[in-house]
Amino acid sequence: MNPTVSIIIPAWNGARTLAEALASVREQTFRDFQAIVIDDGSTDDTAVIARRFCESDPRFSMISQANGGVSAARNNGIRHTDGPWIAFLDADDLWLPGKLERQMALSREDPGARFLFTNYHLWDGQRDLRLAYPDDQPLPEADGLSRLIFHHVYLTSSVVARRDCLLDAGLFDPELPLSQDWDLWLRLAEAGIRARGCREPLVRYRRWPGSRTISERFNSADYNARVIESGLHSTRHPELIPLYGRSLAAALLNCQVVRARHFVDADPEALPPVLWRILWMAPRWKWLRWYLGLVWPVCLGGGLTRQYVRRRIRQRWAIQPFD
């Protein structure tokens, strides 16, 4: 008999955190599950750790594949399941013990819901930093699509979705190295799949201090823009086109913001045209003032104004410890 929930856990060189993640699965109060670790061509002890859990608990299994990225790993895992529900857990995140039980109860309370998510803690590995959905912020349920167009509002490690809906939507796009989950959630929402969420935080989403470089931030911003642009061109709902257009404009602006933050340290002389593009895309007096400060003649104090603007850009678009 197939388990109710199949848990997909992609892992690439995840030996540092995988055992903790798998232990959080094993401790679930909901017992009717299978957990599939997809070793995505790891060169560390990922397979050794996964195999240890497989040997001690028949609900755990492992698939080994050549490195193909997280989308290919998740898709491979989904294709090896037959149960009705698919849950996702990244190898460096954790579930709290009641996570699956609460979501399966929600599915019984609302049989029409095909996409379930939970609140979650942003977590540094030692302490909870903050909640993703504070008490005064509504969960992205009834208006999920309109919010999803602007923000990646569902954490993958919190999601449980119907397997048939994932297959109908085409699964994760292997051509997207980043933002592939946002892309799939948008396609599900476009198809009318209704989301329901648990207010209780039942996942710990690990944020590594200083984990994202400027280059990684720009790649993320770039792929976010690609996902929104794809949604704009493929939407079957004309009333959503203005929302996609506004979201795409904001995403393209963010690409320029990240580029400006890079150039302020790496190539300050390239900063003025980047700031001009930001000003052109979103006219604001502050950014005009900053642009003029960068191009102000040296003989009239331009050296000081440039130092001021560069300092302000570092402060305004600083890389946070948990970004």
C-alpha atoms as a PDB file:
ATOM      1  CA  MET A   1       0.000   0.000   0.000  1.00  0.00           C
ATOM      2  CA  ASN A   2       1.399   3.394  -0.975  1.00  0.00           C
ATOM      3  CA  PRO A   3       2.174   5.871   1.821  1.00  0.00           C
ATOM      4  CA  THR A   4       0.021   8.970   2.119  1.00  0.00           C
ATOM      5  CA  VAL A   5       2.975  11.393   1.909  1.00  0.00           C
ATOM      6  CA  SER A   6       6.165  11.009  -0.092  1.00  0.00           C
ATOM      7  CA  ILE A   7       8.958  13.318   1.103  1.00  0.00           C
ATOM      8  CA  ILE A   8      11.486  14.481  -1.491  1.00  0.00           C
ATOM      9  CA  ILE A   9      14.883  15.489  -0.069  1.00  0.00           C
ATOM     10  CA  PRO A  10      17.452  16.608  -2.664  1.00  0.00           C
ATOM     11  CA  ALA A  11      21.015  16.698  -1.346  1.00  0.00           C
ATOM     12  CA  TRP A  12      24.235  17.821  -2.968  1.00  0.00           C
ATOM     13  CA  ASN A  13      27.229  17.727  -0.625  1.00  0.00           C
ATOM     14  CA  GLY A  14      24.842  18.049   2.287  1.00  0.00           C
ATOM     15  CA  ALA A  15      26.729  15.950   4.837  1.00  0.00           C
ATOM     16  CA  ARG A  16      27.036  18.888   7.210  1.00  0.00           C
ATOM     17  CA  THR A  17      23.275  19.145   7.818  1.00  0.00           C
ATOM     18  CA  LEU A  18      21.564  16.119   6.262  1.00  0.00           C
ATOM     19  CA  ALA A  19      21.469  13.926   9.386  1.00  0.00           C
ATOM     20  CA  GLU A  20      19.692  16.672  11.323  1.00  0.00           C
ATOM     21  CA  ALA A  21      17.158  17.150   8.518  1.00  0.00           C
ATOM     22  CA  LEU A  22      16.446  13.413   8.246  1.00  0.00           C
ATOM     23  CA  ALA A  23      16.132  13.092  12.009  1.00  0.00           C
ATOM     24  CA  SER A  24      13.421  15.776  11.920  1.00  0.00           C
ATOM     25  CA  VAL A  25      11.558  13.616   9.372  1.00  0.00           C
ATOM     26  CA  ARG A  26      11.924  10.491  11.473  1.00  0.00           C
ATOM     27  CA  GLU A  27      10.484  12.342  14.477  1.00  0.00           C
ATOM     28  CA  GLN A  28       7.244  13.272  12.711  1.00  0.00           C
ATOM     29  CA  THR A  29       4.123  12.364  14.649  1.00  0.00           C
ATOM     30  CA  PHE A  30       2.455  11.512  11.316  1.00  0.00           C
ATOM     31  CA  ARG A  31       3.905   8.097  10.479  1.00  0.00           C
ATOM     32  CA  ASP A  32       2.436   7.165   7.072  1.00  0.00           C
ATOM     33  CA  PHE A  33       5.219   8.497   4.872  1.00  0.00           C
ATOM     34  CA  GLN A  34       8.163   7.528   2.721  1.00  0.00           C
ATOM     35  CA  ALA A  35      11.269   9.703   2.579  1.00  0.00           C
ATOM     36  CA  ILE A  36      13.428   9.675  -0.546  1.00  0.00           C
ATOM     37  CA  VAL A  37      16.880  11.238  -0.452  1.00  0.00           C
ATOM     38  CA  ILE A  38      18.164  12.109  -3.916  1.00  0.00           C
ATOM     39  CA  ASP A  39      21.951  12.225  -3.804  1.00  0.00           C
ATOM     40  CA  ASP A  40      22.723  14.654  -6.606  1.00  0.00           C
ATOM     41  CA  GLY A  41      26.285  13.579  -7.370  1.00  0.00           C
ATOM     42  CA  SER A  42      27.700  14.433  -3.945  1.00  0.00           C
ATOM     43  CA  THR A  43      31.422  14.066  -3.285  1.00  0.00           C
ATOM     44  CA  ASP A  44      31.181  14.136   0.524  1.00  0.00           C
ATOM     45  CA  ASP A  45      29.492  11.729   2.960  1.00  0.00           C
ATOM     46  CA  THR A  46      25.936  12.577   1.900  1.00  0.00           C
ATOM     47  CA  ALA A  47      25.296   9.033   0.609  1.00  0.00           C
ATOM     48  CA  VAL A  48      26.813   7.453   3.730  1.00  0.00           C
ATOM     49  CA  ILE A  49      24.491   9.447   5.995  1.00  0.00           C
ATOM     50  CA  ALA A  50      21.428   8.735   3.865  1.00  0.00           C
ATOM     51  CA  ARG A  51      22.262   5.032   3.720  1.00  0.00           C
ATOM     52  CA  ARG A  52      22.479   4.902   7.521  1.00  0.00           C
ATOM     53  CA  PHE A  53      18.891   6.138   7.808  1.00  0.00           C
ATOM     54  CA  CYS A  54      17.744   3.729   5.082  1.00  0.00           C
ATOM     55  CA  GLU A  55      19.230   0.789   6.954  1.00  0.00           C
ATOM     56  CA  SER A  56      17.590   1.709  10.258  1.00  0.00           C
ATOM     57  CA  ASP A  57      14.139   2.751   8.965  1.00  0.00           C
ATOM     58  CA  PRO A  58      12.403   1.091   5.974  1.00  0.00           C
ATOM     59  CA  ARG A  59      10.488   4.299   5.253  1.00  0.00           C
ATOM     60  CA  PHE A  60      13.728   5.904   4.050  1.00  0.00           C
ATOM     61  CA  SER A  61      15.296   5.218   0.655  1.00  0.00           C
ATOM     62  CA  MET A  62      17.961   6.834  -1.510  1.00  0.00           C
ATOM     63  CA  ILE A  63      18.361   7.518  -5.219  1.00  0.00           C
ATOM     64  CA  SER A  64      21.810   8.359  -6.579  1.00  0.00           C
ATOM     65  CA  GLN A  65      22.177  10.389  -9.762  1.00  0.00           C
ATOM     66  CA  ALA A  66      24.835  12.358 -11.589  1.00  0.00           C
ATOM     67  CA  ASN A  67      24.825  15.995 -10.573  1.00  0.00           C
ATOM     68  CA  GLY A  68      21.949  17.638 -12.410  1.00  0.00           C
ATOM     69  CA  GLY A  69      20.755  20.353 -10.075  1.00  0.00           C
ATOM     70  CA  VAL A  70      17.990  20.592  -7.531  1.00  0.00           C
ATOM     71  CA  SER A  71      15.137  20.622 -10.078  1.00  0.00           C
ATOM     72  CA  ALA A  72      16.292  17.408 -11.729  1.00  0.00           C
ATOM     73  CA  ALA A  73      16.755  15.819  -8.306  1.00  0.00           C
ATOM     74  CA  ARG A  74      13.268  16.755  -7.112  1.00  0.00           C
ATOM     75  CA  ASN A  75      11.678  15.638 -10.389  1.00  0.00           C
ATOM     76  CA  ASN A  76      13.501  12.318 -10.218  1.00  0.00           C
ATOM     77  CA  GLY A  77      12.250  11.779  -6.690  1.00  0.00           C
ATOM     78  CA  ILE A  78       8.647  12.643  -7.592  1.00  0.00           C
ATOM     79  CA  ARG A  79       8.698  10.151 -10.456  1.00  0.00           C
ATOM     80  CA  HIS A  80       9.672   7.398  -8.005  1.00  0.00           C
ATOM     81  CA  THR A  81       6.537   7.935  -5.899  1.00  0.00           C
ATOM     82  CA  ASP A  82       2.945   6.771  -6.229  1.00  0.00           C
ATOM     83  CA  GLY A  83       1.237   8.274  -3.188  1.00  0.00           C
ATOM     84  CA  PRO A  84      -1.231  11.169  -3.353  1.00  0.00           C
ATOM     85  CA  TRP A  85       0.816  13.843  -1.542  1.00  0.00           C
ATOM     86  CA  ILE A  86       4.359  15.123  -2.117  1.00  0.00           C
ATOM     87  CA  ALA A  87       6.274  17.004   0.566  1.00  0.00           C
ATOM     88  CA  PHE A  88       9.593  18.786   0.083  1.00  0.00           C
ATOM     89  CA  LEU A  89      12.472  19.255   2.487  1.00  0.00           C
ATOM     90  CA  ASP A  90      15.852  20.776   1.677  1.00  0.00           C
ATOM     91  CA  ALA A  91      18.839  19.083   3.250  1.00  0.00           C
ATOM     92  CA  ASP A  92      19.719  22.058   5.457  1.00  0.00           C
ATOM     93  CA  ASP A  93      16.218  22.789   6.798  1.00  0.00           C
ATOM     94  CA  LEU A  94      14.281  21.153   9.638  1.00  0.00           C
ATOM     95  CA  TRP A  95      10.695  20.178  10.342  1.00  0.00           C
ATOM     96  CA  LEU A  96       9.081  20.395  13.748  1.00  0.00           C
ATOM     97  CA  PRO A  97       7.501  17.091  14.871  1.00  0.00           C
ATOM     98  CA  GLY A  98       3.854  17.971  14.159  1.00  0.00           C
ATOM     99  CA  LYS A  99       4.409  19.399  10.691  1.00  0.00           C
ATOM    100  CA  LEU A 100       2.958  16.615   8.525  1.00  0.00           C
ATOM    101  CA  GLU A 101       0.211  15.748  11.013  1.00  0.00           C
ATOM    102  CA  ARG A 102      -1.069  19.327  11.030  1.00  0.00           C
ATOM    103  CA  GLN A 103      -1.013  19.570   7.242  1.00  0.00           C
ATOM    104  CA  MET A 104      -2.797  16.269   6.720  1.00  0.00           C
ATOM    105  CA  ALA A 105      -5.436  17.400   9.208  1.00  0.00           C
ATOM    106  CA  LEU A 106      -5.817  20.591   7.162  1.00  0.00           C
ATOM    107  CA  SER A 107      -6.288  18.521   3.996  1.00  0.00           C
ATOM    108  CA  ARG A 108      -9.154  16.680   5.689  1.00  0.00           C
ATOM    109  CA  GLU A 109     -10.685  19.925   6.930  1.00  0.00           C
ATOM    110  CA  ASP A 110     -10.557  21.416   3.421  1.00  0.00           C
ATOM    111  CA  PRO A 111     -10.622  18.627   0.805  1.00  0.00           C
ATOM    112  CA  GLY A 112     -10.518  21.165  -2.028  1.00  0.00           C
ATOM    113  CA  ALA A 113      -7.073  22.428  -1.047  1.00  0.00           C
ATOM    114  CA  ARG A 114      -4.351  20.881  -3.192  1.00  0.00           C
ATOM    115  CA  PHE A 115      -1.382  22.963  -2.002  1.00  0.00           C
ATOM    116  CA  LEU A 116      -0.538  23.181   1.699  1.00  0.00           C
ATOM    117  CA  PHE A 117       2.108  25.295   3.402  1.00  0.00           C
ATOM    118  CA  THR A 118       3.067  26.394   6.896  1.00  0.00           C
ATOM    119  CA  ASN A 119       4.539  29.369   8.628  1.00  0.00           C
ATOM    120  CA  TYR A 120       8.236  29.002   9.365  1.00  0.00           C
ATOM    121  CA  HIS A 121      11.124  30.351  11.379  1.00  0.00           C
ATOM    122  CA  LEU A 122      14.151  31.925   9.758  1.00  0.00           C
ATOM    123  CA  TRP A 123      16.884  30.171  11.669  1.00  0.00           C
ATOM    124  CA  ASP A 124      20.676  30.443  11.959  1.00  0.00           C
ATOM    125  CA  GLY A 125      21.227  26.869  13.156  1.00  0.00           C
ATOM    126  CA  GLN A 126      21.160  27.935  16.806  1.00  0.00           C
ATOM    127  CA  ARG A 127      18.211  30.265  17.341  1.00  0.00           C
ATOM    128  CA  ASP A 128      15.021  31.353  15.628  1.00  0.00           C
ATOM    129  CA  LEU A 129      15.501  34.805  14.103  1.00  0.00           C
ATOM    130  CA  ARG A 130      12.000  35.804  13.012  1.00  0.00           C
ATOM    131  CA  LEU A 131       8.739  34.486  11.609  1.00  0.00           C
ATOM    132  CA  ALA A 132       8.062  34.482   7.894  1.00  0.00           C
ATOM    133  CA  TYR A 133       4.400  35.433   8.457  1.00  0.00           C
ATOM    134  CA  PRO A 134       4.019  37.584  11.595  1.00  0.00           C
ATOM    135  CA  ASP A 135       0.712  37.437  13.444  1.00  0.00           C
ATOM    136  CA  ASP A 136      -0.450  40.739  11.931  1.00  0.00           C
ATOM    137  CA  GLN A 137       0.222  39.555   8.351  1.00  0.00           C
ATOM    138  CA  PRO A 138      -2.384  37.411   6.552  1.00  0.00           C
ATOM    139  CA  LEU A 139      -1.321  34.077   5.137  1.00  0.00           C
ATOM    140  CA  PRO A 140      -1.136  33.995   1.302  1.00  0.00           C
ATOM    141  CA  GLU A 141      -4.203  31.830   0.803  1.00  0.00           C
ATOM    142  CA  ALA A 142      -7.242  33.399  -0.887  1.00  0.00           C
ATOM    143  CA  ASP A 143      -5.127  36.071  -2.573  1.00  0.00           C
ATOM    144  CA  GLY A 144      -2.180  33.735  -3.025  1.00  0.00           C
ATOM    145  CA  LEU A 145      -1.709  34.285  -6.756  1.00  0.00           C
ATOM    146  CA  SER A 146      -1.755  38.076  -6.615  1.00  0.00           C
ATOM    147  CA  ARG A 147       0.814  38.015  -3.807  1.00  0.00           C
ATOM    148  CA  LEU A 148       2.844  35.269  -5.464  1.00  0.00           C
ATOM    149  CA  ILE A 149       3.240  37.369  -8.615  1.00  0.00           C
ATOM    150  CA  PHE A 150       5.177  39.915  -6.561  1.00  0.00           C
ATOM    151  CA  HIS A 151       6.940  37.750  -3.994  1.00  0.00           C
ATOM    152  CA  HIS A 152       8.117  34.197  -3.526  1.00  0.00           C
ATOM    153  CA  VAL A 153       5.759  33.643  -0.600  1.00  0.00           C
ATOM    154  CA  TYR A 154       5.930  29.841  -0.162  1.00  0.00           C
ATOM    155  CA  LEU A 155       8.978  28.159   1.327  1.00  0.00           C
ATOM    156  CA  THR A 156       9.624  24.886  -0.497  1.00  0.00           C
ATOM    157  CA  SER A 157      10.463  23.014   2.703  1.00  0.00           C
ATOM    158  CA  SER A 158       7.016  23.927   4.059  1.00  0.00           C
ATOM    159  CA  VAL A 159       5.039  22.747   1.019  1.00  0.00           C
ATOM    160  CA  VAL A 160       2.929  19.606   0.667  1.00  0.00           C
ATOM    161  CA  ALA A 161       1.166  19.342  -2.715  1.00  0.00           C
ATOM    162  CA  ARG A 162      -0.920  16.812  -4.590  1.00  0.00           C
ATOM    163  CA  ARG A 163       1.247  14.656  -6.814  1.00  0.00           C
ATOM    164  CA  ASP A 164      -1.198  14.757  -9.735  1.00  0.00           C
ATOM    165  CA  CYS A 165      -1.232  18.572  -9.655  1.00  0.00           C
ATOM    166  CA  LEU A 166       2.565  18.709  -9.760  1.00  0.00           C
ATOM    167  CA  LEU A 167       2.658  16.340 -12.722  1.00  0.00           C
ATOM    168  CA  ASP A 168      -0.048  18.275 -14.575  1.00  0.00           C
ATOM    169  CA  ALA A 169       1.907  21.511 -14.049  1.00  0.00           C
ATOM    170  CA  GLY A 170       5.071  19.984 -15.543  1.00  0.00           C
ATOM    171  CA  LEU A 171       7.184  19.689 -12.362  1.00  0.00           C
ATOM    172  CA  PHE A 172      10.274  21.858 -11.751  1.00  0.00           C
ATOM    173  CA  ASP A 173      12.025  23.441 -14.724  1.00  0.00           C
ATOM    174  CA  PRO A 174      15.570  21.988 -14.913  1.00  0.00           C
ATOM    175  CA  GLU A 175      16.630  24.959 -17.045  1.00  0.00           C
ATOM    176  CA  LEU A 176      16.225  27.261 -14.053  1.00  0.00           C
ATOM    177  CA  PRO A 177      19.145  26.897 -11.626  1.00  0.00           C
ATOM    178  CA  LEU A 178      17.428  29.398  -9.303  1.00  0.00           C
ATOM    179  CA  SER A 179      13.812  30.405  -8.581  1.00  0.00           C
ATOM    180  CA  GLN A 180      12.575  27.092 -10.001  1.00  0.00           C
ATOM    181  CA  ASP A 181      10.190  26.581  -7.075  1.00  0.00           C
ATOM    182  CA  TRP A 182       8.672  30.060  -7.513  1.00  0.00           C
ATOM    183  CA  ASP A 183       8.156  29.225 -11.186  1.00  0.00           C
ATOM    184  CA  LEU A 184       6.302  25.993 -10.355  1.00  0.00           C
ATOM    185  CA  TRP A 185       4.156  27.597  -7.654  1.00  0.00           C
ATOM    186  CA  LEU A 186       3.093  30.262 -10.163  1.00  0.00           C
ATOM    187  CA  ARG A 187       2.084  27.599 -12.693  1.00  0.00           C
ATOM    188  CA  LEU A 188       0.082  25.768 -10.043  1.00  0.00           C
ATOM    189  CA  ALA A 189      -1.652  28.977  -8.969  1.00  0.00           C
ATOM    190  CA  GLU A 190      -2.367  29.896 -12.603  1.00  0.00           C
ATOM    191  CA  ALA A 191      -4.078  26.504 -12.978  1.00  0.00           C
ATOM    192  CA  GLY A 192      -6.404  27.379 -10.117  1.00  0.00           C
ATOM    193  CA  ILE A 193      -4.795  25.204  -7.436  1.00  0.00           C
ATOM    194  CA  ARG A 194      -5.952  26.596  -4.118  1.00  0.00           C
ATOM    195  CA  ALA A 195      -3.458  27.020  -1.258  1.00  0.00           C
ATOM    196  CA  ARG A 196      -4.124  26.607   2.445  1.00  0.00           C
ATOM    197  CA  GLY A 197      -1.662  27.404   5.172  1.00  0.00           C
ATOM    198  CA  CYS A 198      -0.989  26.725   8.844  1.00  0.00           C
ATOM    199  CA  ARG A 199      -0.344  29.786  10.960  1.00  0.00           C
ATOM    200  CA  GLU A 200       1.787  27.712  13.318  1.00  0.00           C
ATOM    201  CA  PRO A 201       5.522  27.795  12.393  1.00  0.00           C
ATOM    202  CA  LEU A 202       6.406  24.163  11.703  1.00  0.00           C
ATOM    203  CA  VAL A 203       9.636  24.523   9.698  1.00  0.00           C
ATOM    204  CA  ARG A 204      13.046  25.980  10.428  1.00  0.00           C
ATOM    205  CA  TYR A 205      14.558  27.546   7.323  1.00  0.00           C
ATOM    206  CA  ARG A 206      18.302  27.747   7.755  1.00  0.00           C
ATOM    207  CA  ARG A 207      19.978  30.996   6.733  1.00  0.00           C
ATOM    208  CA  TRP A 208      23.746  30.783   6.593  1.00  0.00           C
ATOM    209  CA  PRO A 209      25.565  33.945   7.781  1.00  0.00           C
ATOM    210  CA  GLY A 210      27.182  35.650   4.799  1.00  0.00           C
ATOM    211  CA  SER A 211      26.081  32.845   2.512  1.00  0.00           C
ATOM    212  CA  ARG A 212      25.291  34.921  -0.562  1.00  0.00           C
ATOM    213  CA  THR A 213      27.879  36.822  -2.552  1.00  0.00           C
ATOM    214  CA  ILE A 214      27.078  39.808  -4.738  1.00  0.00           C
ATOM    215  CA  SER A 215      27.321  37.540  -7.794  1.00  0.00           C
ATOM    216  CA  GLU A 216      24.839  35.075  -6.283  1.00  0.00           C
ATOM    217  CA  ARG A 217      22.497  37.930  -5.380  1.00  0.00           C
ATOM    218  CA  PHE A 218      22.585  39.198  -8.949  1.00  0.00           C
ATOM    219  CA  ASN A 219      21.962  35.716 -10.359  1.00  0.00           C
ATOM    220  CA  SER A 220      19.004  35.340  -8.025  1.00  0.00           C
ATOM    221  CA  ALA A 221      17.593  38.723  -9.041  1.00  0.00           C
ATOM    222  CA  ASP A 222      18.089  37.878 -12.716  1.00  0.00           C
ATOM    223  CA  TYR A 223      16.273  34.548 -12.491  1.00  0.00           C
ATOM    224  CA  ASN A 224      13.473  36.103 -10.461  1.00  0.00           C
ATOM    225  CA  ALA A 225      12.947  38.526 -13.348  1.00  0.00           C
ATOM    226  CA  ARG A 226      12.973  35.648 -15.836  1.00  0.00           C
ATOM    227  CA  VAL A 227      10.307  33.773 -13.888  1.00  0.00           C
ATOM    228  CA  ILE A 228       8.026  36.815 -13.782  1.00  0.00           C
ATOM    229  CA  GLU A 229       8.609  37.549 -17.475  1.00  0.00           C
ATOM    230  CA  SER A 230       7.701  33.956 -18.319  1.00  0.00           C
ATOM    231  CA  GLY A 231       4.517  34.276 -16.282  1.00  0.00           C
ATOM    232  CA  LEU A 232       3.656  37.532 -18.049  1.00  0.00           C
ATOM    233  CA  HIS A 233       3.920  35.897 -21.476  1.00  0.00           C
ATOM    234  CA  SER A 234       2.158  32.656 -20.547  1.00  0.00           C
ATOM    235  CA  THR A 235      -0.688  33.793 -18.280  1.00  0.00           C
ATOM    236  CA  ARG A 236      -4.168  32.824 -19.387  1.00  0.00           C
ATOM    237  CA  HIS A 237      -5.748  35.504 -17.215  1.00  0.00           C
ATOM    238  CA  PRO A 238      -5.723  38.933 -18.917  1.00  0.00           C
ATOM    239  CA  GLU A 239      -6.623  40.651 -15.661  1.00  0.00           C
ATOM    240  CA  LEU A 240      -3.274  39.542 -14.226  1.00  0.00           C
ATOM    241  CA  ILE A 241      -1.159  41.131 -16.967  1.00  0.00           C
ATOM    242  CA  PRO A 242      -0.903  44.521 -15.176  1.00  0.00           C
ATOM    243  CA  LEU A 243       0.206  42.753 -11.991  1.00  0.00           C
ATOM    244  CA  TYR A 244       2.848  40.783 -13.849  1.00  0.00           C
ATOM    245  CA  GLY A 245       3.979  43.981 -15.576  1.00  0.00           C
ATOM    246  CA  ARG A 246       4.437  45.824 -12.292  1.00  0.00           C
ATOM    247  CA  SER A 247       6.212  42.860 -10.747  1.00  0.00           C
ATOM    248  CA  LEU A 248       8.558  42.549 -13.720  1.00  0.00           C
ATOM    249  CA  ALA A 249       9.402  46.262 -13.528  1.00  0.00           C
ATOM    250  CA  ALA A 250      10.249  45.850  -9.846  1.00  0.00           C
ATOM    251  CA  ALA A 251      12.332  42.733 -10.558  1.00  0.00           C
ATOM    252  CA  LEU A 252      14.319  44.476 -13.306  1.00  0.00           C
ATOM    253  CA  LEU A 253      14.862  47.431 -10.999  1.00  0.00           C
ATOM    254  CA  ASN A 254      16.186  45.051  -8.349  1.00  0.00           C
ATOM    255  CA  CYS A 255      18.692  43.685 -10.876  1.00  0.00           C
ATOM    256  CA  GLN A 256      20.064  47.203 -11.298  1.00  0.00           C
ATOM    257  CA  VAL A 257      20.119  47.760  -7.529  1.00  0.00           C
ATOM    258  CA  VAL A 258      22.224  44.634  -7.024  1.00  0.00           C
ATOM    259  CA  ARG A 259      24.498  45.706  -9.879  1.00  0.00           C
ATOM    260  CA  ALA A 260      24.951  49.126  -8.257  1.00  0.00           C
ATOM    261  CA  ARG A 261      25.889  47.508  -4.949  1.00  0.00           C
ATOM    262  CA  HIS A 262      28.502  45.454  -6.798  1.00  0.00           C
ATOM    263  CA  PHE A 263      30.029  48.379  -8.678  1.00  0.00           C
ATOM    264  CA  VAL A 264      30.324  50.619  -5.631  1.00  0.00           C
ATOM    265  CA  ASP A 265      33.158  48.318  -4.488  1.00  0.00           C
ATOM    266  CA  ALA A 266      34.360  46.586  -7.646  1.00  0.00           C
ATOM    267  CA  ASP A 267      34.264  49.373 -10.260  1.00  0.00           C
ATOM    268  CA  PRO A 268      33.087  52.747  -8.927  1.00  0.00           C
ATOM    269  CA  GLU A 269      33.581  54.434 -12.304  1.00  0.00           C
ATOM    270  CA  ALA A 270      30.887  52.170 -13.783  1.00  0.00           C
ATOM    271  CA  LEU A 271      28.378  53.220 -11.130  1.00  0.00           C
ATOM    272  CA  PRO A 272      26.922  56.432 -12.721  1.00  0.00           C
ATOM    273  CA  PRO A 273      25.289  54.721 -15.748  1.00  0.00           C
ATOM    274  CA  VAL A 274      23.852  52.025 -13.478  1.00  0.00           C
ATOM    275  CA  LEU A 275      22.375  54.632 -11.166  1.00  0.00           C
ATOM    276  CA  TRP A 276      21.029  56.498 -14.194  1.00  0.00           C
ATOM    277  CA  ARG A 277      19.181  53.354 -15.281  1.00  0.00           C
ATOM    278  CA  ILE A 278      17.741  53.017 -11.773  1.00  0.00           C
ATOM    279  CA  LEU A 279      16.628  56.659 -11.937  1.00  0.00           C
ATOM    280  CA  TRP A 280      15.073  56.118 -15.364  1.00  0.00           C
ATOM    281  CA  MET A 281      13.208  52.980 -14.240  1.00  0.00           C
ATOM    282  CA  ALA A 282      11.943  54.503 -10.968  1.00  0.00           C
ATOM    283  CA  PRO A 283      12.299  58.302 -10.904  1.00  0.00           C
ATOM    284  CA  ARG A 284      12.980  59.565  -7.402  1.00  0.00           C
ATOM    285  CA  TRP A 285      14.537  62.768  -6.195  1.00  0.00           C
ATOM    286  CA  LYS A 286      16.940  60.883  -3.923  1.00  0.00           C
ATOM    287  CA  TRP A 287      18.389  58.846  -6.771  1.00  0.00           C
ATOM    288  CA  LEU A 288      18.669  61.928  -8.995  1.00  0.00           C
ATOM    289  CA  ARG A 289      20.587  63.611  -6.178  1.00  0.00           C
ATOM    290  CA  TRP A 290      22.863  60.580  -5.889  1.00  0.00           C
ATOM    291  CA  TYR A 291      23.473  60.494  -9.633  1.00  0.00           C
ATOM    292  CA  LEU A 292      24.361  64.180  -9.678  1.00  0.00           C
ATOM    293  CA  GLY A 293      26.679  63.598  -6.742  1.00  0.00           C
ATOM    294  CA  LEU A 294      28.565  60.963  -8.745  1.00  0.00           C
ATOM    295  CA  VAL A 295      29.035  63.130 -11.846  1.00  0.00           C
ATOM    296  CA  TRP A 296      29.622  66.441 -10.050  1.00  0.00           C
ATOM    297  CA  PRO A 297      32.895  68.071 -11.217  1.00  0.00           C
ATOM    298  CA  VAL A 298      35.871  67.437  -8.966  1.00  0.00           C
ATOM    299  CA  CYS A 299      36.749  71.139  -8.951  1.00  0.00           C
ATOM    300  CA  LEU A 300      33.389  71.864  -7.320  1.00  0.00           C
ATOM    301  CA  GLY A 301      33.721  69.223  -4.633  1.00  0.00           C
ATOM    302  CA  GLY A 302      32.870  66.156  -6.707  1.00  0.00           C
ATOM    303  CA  GLY A 303      35.335  63.987  -4.825  1.00  0.00           C
ATOM    304  CA  LEU A 304      33.440  64.486  -1.573  1.00  0.00           C
ATOM    305  CA  THR A 305      30.008  64.005  -3.161  1.00  0.00           C
ATOM    306  CA  ARG A 306      31.144  60.729  -4.731  1.00  0.00           C
ATOM    307  CA  GLN A 307      32.392  59.454  -1.396  1.00  0.00           C
ATOM    308  CA  TYR A 308      29.051  60.397   0.171  1.00  0.00           C
ATOM    309  CA  VAL A 309      26.982  58.629  -2.526  1.00  0.00           C
ATOM    310  CA  ARG A 310      29.088  55.471  -2.402  1.00  0.00           C
ATOM    311  CA  ARG A 311      28.750  55.385   1.378  1.00  0.00           C
ATOM    312  CA  ARG A 312      24.990  55.855   1.093  1.00  0.00           C
ATOM    313  CA  ILE A 313      24.678  53.041  -1.454  1.00  0.00           C
ATOM    314  CA  ARG A 314      26.621  50.693   0.819  1.00  0.00           C
ATOM    315  CA  GLN A 315      24.275  51.589   3.672  1.00  0.00           C
ATOM    316  CA  ARG A 316      21.070  51.534   1.609  1.00  0.00           C
ATOM    317  CA  TRP A 317      21.764  48.248  -0.159  1.00  0.00           C
ATOM    318  CA  ALA A 318      23.939  46.544   2.412  1.00  0.00           C
ATOM    319  CA  ILE A 319      24.290  42.780   2.415  1.00  0.00           C
ATOM    320  CA  GLN A 320      22.682  41.623   5.623  1.00  0.00           C
ATOM    321  CA  PRO A 321      24.221  38.762   7.677  1.00  0.00           C
ATOM    322  CA  PHE A 322      21.125  36.643   6.911  1.00  0.00           C
ATOM    323  CA  ASP A 323      20.123  37.794   3.463  1.00  0.00           C
END
